[in-house]
Amino acid sequence: MPRDLPGMYWDEERNRYFPLSSTPPCHKERADSKPSRVPLAQQRQATPGLLEKNTTSCSRDIPHHIFAHLRSLSTTTQKDRLIHRLRCSQFALTDKVERSVVPCLSSRGSITAFLSVCHSDRVWQFSGDSMGWFYSYVAPRQNEAAGLFTSHNWRTEFNLSSEVSSICVDDSKCIATSFGPDCRILHLPLDSASEDIRISRIDSRVACDIWTADLHGSRLVLGANKQAVCIDDISERAAVHHLPTGSDVFAVAQQEHIIYSGLRNGSILRFDNRVWKPKGDALLGDLFAQPSNSITNLRLLCDSQLLVTNVDGKISTFDLRFISPRVPLKVFIGNVNSYSIKAPIAVDPSEEFLFAAGQDNRIRLWSLRSGGPPLTPSPSITTPKPYGQELLQYQFEEPVRSIQISEEGNITNLWAASGYELFKYSLGQRISGLLELP
């Protein structure tokens, strides 16, 4: 099946790729005039304009004729596109939600970081709050799937002295960091028999104000005050490298030997840990630096794309294979933000969908394939729900400080932390049978 290449489109008639900018005006006309390979009986059943329907308006039901149309498609590419559109429809209409409250030691705080991960056939969940407390919950995976989420027995584990700014997991270790001049790093091995639990205090001369962190294998990168800090092996507490940036680091991302840092001043710097240099390579020029537009999130996609979010709500992707990727591949409009540095995003494991929490306490959904405006359910088919549970229509009472997507069997879940409440949305369950079609 032809792959979706950034900035290119596949012409089935000519059997090759072409740049999007060179799309001939008559290309769509030729595609529309091409004889359909679908049998006439099935053409009568298929909904007219099915493949051309705008995904920003979604249908609740999946009629049988859509399944028939899916089976009749002649190429895997066409099936893949239709399945993606159906998943867009189902995700946009998500309304199944479970709620839980993390028991807090202070009524003044809120959850600032959350993470759920499966390890050794058990579900591990961690959360941290604005008062510095770190909580954990561990359950057998089968119990979690049975719906025991609402009766979580959270345990208060440690206090990191100040707001928990990030929680990340890789392999068999969990790392949590705290913000402020007296910041700390919690190292929590999931296989406790092999390593000890420890909390390290970071000297303010080494790093302070840890905004974010990213764990890649054993390498930990901290986004701190006017620098990024790289610890080669967090388990062995190996060499520490200081990467000066000249501006606070709000976002970090890693890929093999490359470290990306997003700065308060809108710059994005790239460092190579094979050749440590006193200054990183600037990406995108001054695209977000003049005027300053702080980088709030960085996420690597498909090994060659960089997803960037800004403090003003902009979301865009760039192709890292170009020397100067100043022109975005896709732009995602409709996000709401103007000043919040803690504006979380989440990408599903297949890297097809993007969720972002806005400053208006709402969560929005985009297709990473198409970009553009957020996906929304059609008002004509949306029925009132008790408590206003539909994911894309619900307004949380407090800011959403953390969101994450996890998979449990065939179910994809979206987690959202607001105040001391956790919301667990089950995404697209009705589409699971479709994905097994040949």
Protein backbone atom coordinates (compact mmCIF):
# COMPACT_ATOMS: atom_id res chain seq x y z
CA MET A 1 0.00 0.00 0.00
CA PRO A 2 1.40 3.47 -0.88
CA ARG A 3 2.53 5.30 2.26
CA ASP A 4 1.39 8.81 3.17
CA LEU A 5 4.50 10.92 2.62
CA PRO A 6 4.66 14.45 4.06
CA GLY A 7 4.07 17.08 1.40
CA MET A 8 3.24 14.46 -1.26
CA TYR A 9 0.13 12.83 -2.67
CA TRP A 10 -0.29 9.47 -4.44
CA ASP A 11 -1.72 9.51 -7.95
CA GLU A 12 -3.25 6.08 -8.55
CA GLU A 13 -3.82 6.74 -12.23
CA ARG A 14 -0.14 7.52 -12.89
CA ASN A 15 1.12 5.18 -10.16
CA ARG A 16 3.57 7.61 -8.53
CA TYR A 17 3.96 10.38 -5.93
CA PHE A 18 3.69 14.12 -6.68
CA PRO A 19 4.29 17.22 -4.48
CA LEU A 20 1.09 18.71 -3.03
CA SER A 21 2.04 22.08 -4.51
CA SER A 22 2.03 20.58 -8.02
CA THR A 23 -1.47 19.10 -7.84
CA PRO A 24 -2.95 19.72 -11.30
CA PRO A 25 -6.35 21.45 -11.35
CA CYS A 26 -7.77 18.63 -13.41
CA HIS A 27 -6.47 15.90 -11.08
CA LYS A 28 -9.62 15.78 -8.98
CA GLU A 29 -11.78 15.88 -12.09
CA ARG A 30 -9.97 12.88 -13.55
CA ALA A 31 -10.33 11.01 -10.29
CA ASP A 32 -14.03 11.77 -10.19
CA SER A 33 -14.55 10.74 -13.81
CA LYS A 34 -12.65 7.47 -13.40
CA PRO A 35 -15.03 4.51 -13.74
CA SER A 36 -15.96 3.03 -10.38
CA ARG A 37 -14.88 -0.50 -9.68
CA VAL A 38 -17.69 -0.99 -7.19
CA PRO A 39 -20.45 -3.28 -8.49
CA LEU A 40 -23.60 -1.45 -9.53
CA ALA A 41 -25.72 -3.09 -6.82
CA GLN A 42 -23.36 -1.82 -4.16
CA GLN A 43 -23.11 1.62 -5.76
CA ARG A 44 -26.87 2.01 -5.26
CA GLN A 45 -26.48 1.18 -1.60
CA ALA A 46 -23.47 3.42 -0.95
CA THR A 47 -24.08 6.91 0.37
CA PRO A 48 -23.29 9.50 -2.35
CA GLY A 49 -20.15 11.49 -1.60
CA LEU A 50 -19.10 9.17 1.20
CA LEU A 51 -15.38 9.55 0.66
CA GLU A 52 -15.63 13.30 0.03
CA LYS A 53 -17.60 14.03 3.17
CA ASN A 54 -15.97 16.63 5.44
CA THR A 55 -14.72 14.91 8.59
CA THR A 56 -15.51 17.94 10.74
CA SER A 57 -19.16 16.83 10.67
CA CYS A 58 -19.64 13.27 11.88
CA SER A 59 -22.40 10.68 11.72
CA ARG A 60 -23.33 8.67 14.82
CA ASP A 61 -24.45 5.43 13.17
CA ILE A 62 -22.48 3.24 10.77
CA PRO A 63 -25.03 1.80 8.32
CA HIS A 64 -24.52 -1.65 6.85
CA HIS A 65 -24.00 -0.19 3.40
CA ILE A 66 -20.81 1.53 4.63
CA PHE A 67 -19.39 -1.85 5.59
CA ALA A 68 -20.38 -3.17 2.16
CA HIS A 69 -18.70 -0.19 0.53
CA LEU A 70 -15.57 -0.76 2.61
CA ARG A 71 -15.31 -4.41 1.52
CA SER A 72 -15.82 -3.46 -2.12
CA LEU A 73 -12.99 -0.92 -2.29
CA SER A 74 -10.33 -2.10 -4.69
CA THR A 75 -7.19 -0.75 -2.99
CA THR A 76 -5.83 -0.90 0.53
CA THR A 77 -5.22 2.85 0.41
CA GLN A 78 -8.90 3.56 -0.15
CA LYS A 79 -9.87 1.22 2.69
CA ASP A 80 -7.35 2.85 4.99
CA ARG A 81 -8.71 6.32 4.24
CA LEU A 82 -12.31 5.28 4.81
CA ILE A 83 -11.45 3.53 8.08
CA HIS A 84 -9.67 6.67 9.24
CA ARG A 85 -12.74 8.78 8.46
CA LEU A 86 -14.95 6.36 10.37
CA ARG A 87 -12.60 6.51 13.34
CA CYS A 88 -12.75 10.30 13.18
CA SER A 89 -16.53 10.06 13.39
CA GLN A 90 -16.47 7.67 16.34
CA PHE A 91 -13.81 9.53 18.32
CA ALA A 92 -15.64 12.82 17.87
CA LEU A 93 -18.80 11.31 19.37
CA THR A 94 -17.15 9.80 22.46
CA ASP A 95 -19.44 10.01 25.47
CA LYS A 96 -18.51 7.06 27.69
CA VAL A 97 -16.66 8.41 30.71
CA GLU A 98 -15.64 7.22 34.16
CA ARG A 99 -14.61 9.61 36.92
CA SER A 100 -12.39 9.19 39.94
CA VAL A 101 -11.00 11.47 42.63
CA VAL A 102 -7.38 11.24 43.73
CA PRO A 103 -7.37 11.62 47.54
CA CYS A 104 -5.45 14.79 48.30
CA LEU A 105 -3.66 15.98 51.41
CA SER A 106 -4.53 19.60 50.71
CA SER A 107 -7.73 21.19 49.48
CA ARG A 108 -5.79 23.98 47.78
CA GLY A 109 -3.99 21.90 45.20
CA SER A 110 -4.74 20.17 41.91
CA ILE A 111 -3.28 17.40 39.77
CA THR A 112 -0.46 18.75 37.62
CA ALA A 113 0.87 15.50 36.11
CA PHE A 114 -0.60 12.06 35.38
CA LEU A 115 0.58 8.89 33.68
CA SER A 116 -0.89 5.43 33.11
CA VAL A 117 1.22 2.56 31.79
CA CYS A 118 1.06 -1.25 31.54
CA HIS A 119 4.08 -3.14 32.86
CA SER A 120 4.48 -6.81 33.77
CA ASP A 121 0.78 -7.41 33.09
CA ARG A 122 -0.23 -4.76 35.61
CA VAL A 123 -1.58 -1.24 35.26
CA TRP A 124 0.57 1.39 36.94
CA GLN A 125 -0.82 4.88 37.42
CA PHE A 126 0.98 7.88 38.84
CA SER A 127 -0.12 11.42 39.59
CA GLY A 128 1.48 14.49 41.12
CA ASP A 129 -0.11 17.64 42.46
CA SER A 130 0.66 21.33 42.85
CA MET A 131 1.62 20.83 46.52
CA GLY A 132 4.43 18.43 45.60
CA TRP A 133 2.72 15.14 46.54
CA PHE A 134 3.29 12.07 44.38
CA TYR A 135 0.59 9.35 44.30
CA SER A 136 0.54 5.86 42.84
CA TYR A 137 -1.91 3.06 42.10
CA VAL A 138 -1.15 -0.45 40.86
CA ALA A 139 -3.73 -3.02 39.77
CA PRO A 140 -3.80 -6.25 37.77
CA ARG A 141 -4.71 -5.47 34.18
CA GLN A 142 -7.78 -7.70 34.24
CA ASN A 143 -9.20 -5.80 37.22
CA GLU A 144 -8.63 -2.51 35.49
CA ALA A 145 -10.44 -3.76 32.41
CA ALA A 146 -13.30 -4.92 34.62
CA GLY A 147 -14.08 -1.34 35.56
CA LEU A 148 -12.48 -0.95 39.00
CA PHE A 149 -11.24 2.50 37.98
CA THR A 150 -13.89 4.23 40.06
CA SER A 151 -12.65 2.56 43.26
CA HIS A 152 -8.99 3.40 42.91
CA ASN A 153 -7.01 2.93 46.09
CA TRP A 154 -4.47 5.68 45.54
CA ARG A 155 -1.46 5.79 47.84
CA THR A 156 0.36 8.95 48.87
CA GLU A 157 4.00 8.07 48.27
CA PHE A 158 6.38 11.03 48.50
CA ASN A 159 6.60 14.80 48.69
CA LEU A 160 8.93 16.50 46.23
CA SER A 161 8.80 19.85 48.10
CA SER A 162 7.17 21.79 45.26
CA GLU A 163 4.78 21.33 42.34
CA VAL A 164 5.24 18.08 40.42
CA SER A 165 6.05 19.33 36.92
CA SER A 166 6.38 16.07 34.97
CA ILE A 167 6.05 12.29 35.17
CA CYS A 168 7.60 10.04 32.51
CA VAL A 169 8.12 6.29 32.14
CA ASP A 170 10.41 4.27 29.88
CA ASP A 171 11.33 0.60 30.11
CA SER A 172 10.98 -0.26 33.81
CA LYS A 173 11.48 3.07 35.54
CA CYS A 174 9.32 6.07 36.43
CA ILE A 175 10.79 9.56 36.80
CA ALA A 176 9.01 12.51 38.41
CA THR A 177 10.36 16.06 38.69
CA SER A 178 9.37 19.09 40.72
CA PHE A 179 9.41 22.78 39.90
CA GLY A 180 11.09 25.59 41.83
CA PRO A 181 14.49 26.60 43.20
CA ASP A 182 14.58 23.51 45.45
CA CYS A 183 13.67 20.96 42.80
CA ARG A 184 13.90 17.20 43.15
CA ILE A 185 13.93 14.11 40.93
CA LEU A 186 12.13 10.93 41.99
CA HIS A 187 13.48 7.66 40.57
CA LEU A 188 10.91 4.88 41.02
CA PRO A 189 11.80 1.48 39.48
CA LEU A 190 8.77 -0.56 38.46
CA ASP A 191 10.78 -3.72 39.13
CA SER A 192 11.64 -2.80 42.71
CA ALA A 193 13.79 -5.89 43.21
CA SER A 194 16.44 -4.62 40.80
CA GLU A 195 16.83 -1.00 41.94
CA ASP A 196 16.14 1.21 44.94
CA ILE A 197 13.64 4.04 45.12
CA ARG A 198 15.43 7.34 45.58
CA ILE A 199 14.80 11.08 45.58
CA SER A 200 17.64 13.31 44.43
CA ARG A 201 17.85 16.97 45.33
CA ILE A 202 19.16 19.11 42.49
CA ASP A 203 21.60 21.83 43.50
CA SER A 204 20.32 25.20 42.32
CA ARG A 205 23.74 25.81 40.75
CA VAL A 206 23.14 22.77 38.54
CA ALA A 207 19.49 23.37 37.58
CA CYS A 208 16.40 25.04 38.94
CA ASP A 209 12.82 25.50 37.80
CA ILE A 210 12.39 22.17 36.04
CA TRP A 211 9.47 22.89 33.69
CA THR A 212 9.41 19.53 31.93
CA ALA A 213 11.34 16.30 31.39
CA ASP A 214 11.63 13.52 28.83
CA LEU A 215 12.96 9.99 29.40
CA HIS A 216 14.37 8.02 26.48
CA GLY A 217 15.69 4.64 27.61
CA SER A 218 18.01 5.58 30.48
CA ARG A 219 18.70 9.11 29.23
CA LEU A 220 16.82 11.88 31.00
CA VAL A 221 16.56 15.42 29.64
CA LEU A 222 15.31 18.23 31.86
CA GLY A 223 13.88 21.51 30.62
CA ALA A 224 15.06 24.07 33.16
CA ASN A 225 15.84 27.73 33.72
CA LYS A 226 17.74 28.95 30.63
CA GLN A 227 19.17 25.53 29.89
CA ALA A 228 18.46 21.90 29.14
CA VAL A 229 20.18 19.31 31.31
CA CYS A 230 20.98 15.84 29.96
CA ILE A 231 21.72 12.93 32.32
CA ASP A 232 23.17 10.09 30.24
CA ASP A 233 22.05 7.27 32.55
CA ILE A 234 19.54 8.13 35.26
CA SER A 235 19.94 4.72 36.90
CA GLU A 236 23.71 5.03 37.30
CA ARG A 237 23.62 8.81 37.77
CA ALA A 238 26.19 9.11 35.02
CA ALA A 239 27.60 12.19 33.32
CA VAL A 240 25.53 15.37 33.37
CA HIS A 241 25.64 17.70 30.36
CA HIS A 242 24.49 21.32 30.50
CA LEU A 243 23.00 22.65 27.27
CA PRO A 244 22.73 26.46 27.53
CA THR A 245 19.78 27.95 25.70
CA GLY A 246 19.58 31.56 26.93
CA SER A 247 15.86 31.14 27.61
CA ASP A 248 13.69 28.89 29.79
CA VAL A 249 13.06 25.45 28.28
CA PHE A 250 9.32 24.70 28.31
CA ALA A 251 9.38 21.60 26.07
CA VAL A 252 11.84 18.81 25.25
CA ALA A 253 11.80 15.80 22.92
CA GLN A 254 14.36 13.10 22.14
CA GLN A 255 15.16 10.85 19.20
CA GLU A 256 18.16 8.51 19.32
CA HIS A 257 21.13 10.92 19.62
CA ILE A 258 19.14 14.12 19.03
CA ILE A 259 17.61 16.40 21.67
CA TYR A 260 15.09 19.11 20.81
CA SER A 261 14.28 21.97 23.19
CA GLY A 262 11.44 24.49 22.88
CA LEU A 263 12.08 27.83 24.54
CA ARG A 264 10.17 30.64 26.20
CA ASN A 265 11.44 33.07 23.54
CA GLY A 266 9.94 30.95 20.73
CA SER A 267 13.17 29.34 19.52
CA ILE A 268 13.71 25.61 18.95
CA LEU A 269 17.25 24.30 19.45
CA ARG A 270 18.64 20.93 18.41
CA PHE A 271 21.55 19.22 20.19
CA ASP A 272 23.48 16.09 19.15
CA ASN A 273 24.80 14.12 22.12
CA ARG A 274 27.49 12.52 19.96
CA VAL A 275 29.18 15.90 19.53
CA TRP A 276 28.44 18.14 22.50
CA LYS A 277 28.63 21.78 21.47
CA PRO A 278 28.23 24.89 23.63
CA LYS A 279 25.39 26.05 21.40
CA GLY A 280 22.56 24.14 19.77
CA ASP A 281 21.46 24.41 16.14
CA ALA A 282 18.47 26.70 15.67
CA LEU A 283 15.48 25.24 13.82
CA LEU A 284 12.77 27.17 11.93
CA GLY A 285 14.87 30.35 12.05
CA ASP A 286 12.98 33.10 13.87
CA LEU A 287 9.58 31.77 12.81
CA PHE A 288 8.23 31.87 16.38
CA ALA A 289 10.86 34.19 17.88
CA GLN A 290 9.92 37.43 16.10
CA PRO A 291 7.73 38.31 17.87
CA SER A 292 8.25 35.90 20.75
CA ASN A 293 5.73 33.03 20.77
CA SER A 294 6.73 30.54 23.48
CA ILE A 295 6.95 26.84 22.59
CA THR A 296 4.74 24.83 24.97
CA ASN A 297 4.99 21.30 23.52
CA LEU A 298 7.26 19.33 21.19
CA ARG A 299 6.39 15.87 19.89
CA LEU A 300 8.22 13.73 17.31
CA LEU A 301 5.97 11.97 14.77
CA CYS A 302 6.74 9.33 12.14
CA ASP A 303 10.49 9.67 12.81
CA SER A 304 10.70 12.72 10.55
CA GLN A 305 8.07 15.22 11.72
CA LEU A 306 8.05 17.62 14.65
CA LEU A 307 4.74 18.67 16.20
CA VAL A 308 4.97 22.16 17.74
CA THR A 309 2.46 24.02 19.91
CA ASN A 310 2.74 27.67 20.92
CA VAL A 311 1.46 29.70 23.82
CA ASP A 312 -0.93 31.56 21.51
CA GLY A 313 -2.69 28.29 20.61
CA LYS A 314 -0.96 27.59 17.29
CA ILE A 315 -0.35 23.93 16.46
CA SER A 316 1.67 22.84 13.43
CA THR A 317 3.92 20.08 12.11
CA PHE A 318 7.26 20.43 10.30
CA ASP A 319 9.32 18.02 8.19
CA LEU A 320 12.76 17.61 9.78
CA ARG A 321 14.21 16.15 6.58
CA PHE A 322 14.39 19.62 5.05
CA ILE A 323 17.38 21.77 5.93
CA SER A 324 15.24 24.80 6.78
CA PRO A 325 11.70 23.53 7.48
CA ARG A 326 10.11 26.97 7.92
CA VAL A 327 6.88 26.11 6.10
CA PRO A 328 4.61 23.82 8.16
CA LEU A 329 3.36 20.58 6.66
CA LYS A 330 0.01 20.97 8.40
CA VAL A 331 -1.60 23.63 10.55
CA PHE A 332 -4.23 22.78 13.17
CA ILE A 333 -6.55 25.69 13.85
CA GLY A 334 -9.19 26.25 16.52
CA ASN A 335 -7.13 25.68 19.67
CA VAL A 336 -7.81 28.19 22.46
CA ASN A 337 -4.86 29.62 24.39
CA SER A 338 -3.26 32.99 24.99
CA TYR A 339 -1.00 32.69 28.03
CA SER A 340 -1.07 29.19 29.58
CA ILE A 341 2.31 27.43 29.54
CA LYS A 342 0.73 24.20 30.83
CA ALA A 343 -1.42 23.42 27.79
CA PRO A 344 -1.17 19.62 27.42
CA ILE A 345 -1.51 17.60 24.23
CA ALA A 346 -1.79 13.86 23.52
CA VAL A 347 -1.23 11.78 20.38
CA ASP A 348 -2.65 8.28 19.95
CA PRO A 349 -0.21 5.34 19.48
CA SER A 350 -1.00 5.12 15.75
CA GLU A 351 -0.13 8.84 15.40
CA GLU A 352 -3.36 9.61 13.56
CA PHE A 353 -5.16 11.78 16.12
CA LEU A 354 -4.23 14.79 18.21
CA PHE A 355 -5.97 15.95 21.39
CA ALA A 356 -5.28 19.32 23.01
CA ALA A 357 -6.64 20.93 26.17
CA GLY A 358 -7.50 24.59 25.70
CA GLN A 359 -7.47 27.54 28.04
CA ASP A 360 -11.28 27.48 27.96
CA ASN A 361 -11.23 24.13 29.85
CA ARG A 362 -12.28 22.13 26.77
CA ILE A 363 -10.55 19.31 24.91
CA ARG A 364 -10.39 19.35 21.11
CA LEU A 365 -9.58 16.67 18.55
CA TRP A 366 -7.83 16.87 15.18
CA SER A 367 -6.87 14.39 12.50
CA LEU A 368 -3.09 14.39 12.09
CA ARG A 369 -3.60 13.33 8.48
CA SER A 370 -5.61 16.33 7.41
CA GLY A 371 -4.95 19.17 9.89
CA GLY A 372 -7.30 22.14 9.64
CA PRO A 373 -10.15 22.74 12.12
CA PRO A 374 -10.95 20.39 15.01
CA LEU A 375 -13.34 17.50 14.49
CA THR A 376 -16.82 18.16 15.85
CA PRO A 377 -19.98 16.02 15.98
CA SER A 378 -22.83 17.22 13.80
CA PRO A 379 -25.41 19.14 15.90
CA SER A 380 -28.22 17.41 14.01
CA ILE A 381 -27.28 13.97 15.32
CA THR A 382 -26.02 14.91 18.78
CA THR A 383 -28.48 13.94 21.48
CA PRO A 384 -28.45 15.52 24.95
CA LYS A 385 -26.46 13.51 27.48
CA PRO A 386 -26.93 13.55 31.24
CA TYR A 387 -24.26 15.70 32.86
CA GLY A 388 -23.03 16.83 29.43
CA GLN A 389 -20.63 13.92 29.07
CA GLU A 390 -19.63 14.17 25.41
CA LEU A 391 -15.88 14.65 25.34
CA LEU A 392 -15.72 17.43 22.75
CA GLN A 393 -18.65 19.36 24.23
CA TYR A 394 -17.87 19.08 27.94
CA GLN A 395 -16.39 22.09 29.74
CA PHE A 396 -14.35 21.06 32.76
CA GLU A 397 -14.81 23.02 35.96
CA GLU A 398 -11.07 23.52 36.41
CA PRO A 399 -8.16 23.74 33.94
CA VAL A 400 -7.05 20.46 32.38
CA ARG A 401 -3.39 20.15 33.38
CA SER A 402 -2.63 16.71 31.95
CA ILE A 403 -4.02 14.44 29.23
CA GLN A 404 -2.79 11.06 28.02
CA ILE A 405 -3.88 8.29 25.66
CA SER A 406 -3.43 4.65 26.67
CA GLU A 407 -4.52 1.30 25.25
CA GLU A 408 -6.15 -1.55 27.15
CA GLY A 409 -6.66 -4.48 24.83
CA ASN A 410 -8.71 -3.22 21.88
CA ILE A 411 -9.87 -0.10 23.73
CA THR A 412 -8.18 3.28 23.43
CA ASN A 413 -8.65 5.55 26.44
CA LEU A 414 -8.15 9.27 26.91
CA TRP A 415 -7.26 10.37 30.43
CA ALA A 416 -7.79 13.97 31.56
CA ALA A 417 -6.82 15.48 34.92
CA SER A 418 -8.82 18.48 36.11
CA GLY A 419 -8.58 19.67 39.70
CA TYR A 420 -8.26 16.46 41.73
CA GLU A 421 -10.53 14.54 39.36
CA LEU A 422 -9.49 12.02 36.72
CA PHE A 423 -11.70 11.49 33.67
CA LYS A 424 -11.32 8.31 31.63
CA TYR A 425 -12.95 8.45 28.18
CA SER A 426 -13.24 5.29 26.08
CA LEU A 427 -12.53 6.28 22.48
CA GLY A 428 -14.00 4.68 19.37
CA GLN A 429 -15.00 1.32 20.82
CA ARG A 430 -17.57 0.69 18.06
CA ILE A 431 -14.94 0.89 15.37
CA SER A 432 -12.77 -2.00 16.66
CA GLY A 433 -14.60 -4.57 14.52
CA LEU A 434 -14.02 -2.48 11.41
CA LEU A 435 -10.27 -2.51 11.84
CA GLU A 436 -10.19 -6.29 11.49
CA LEU A 437 -11.68 -6.26 8.02
CA PRO A 438 -9.36 -7.42 5.27
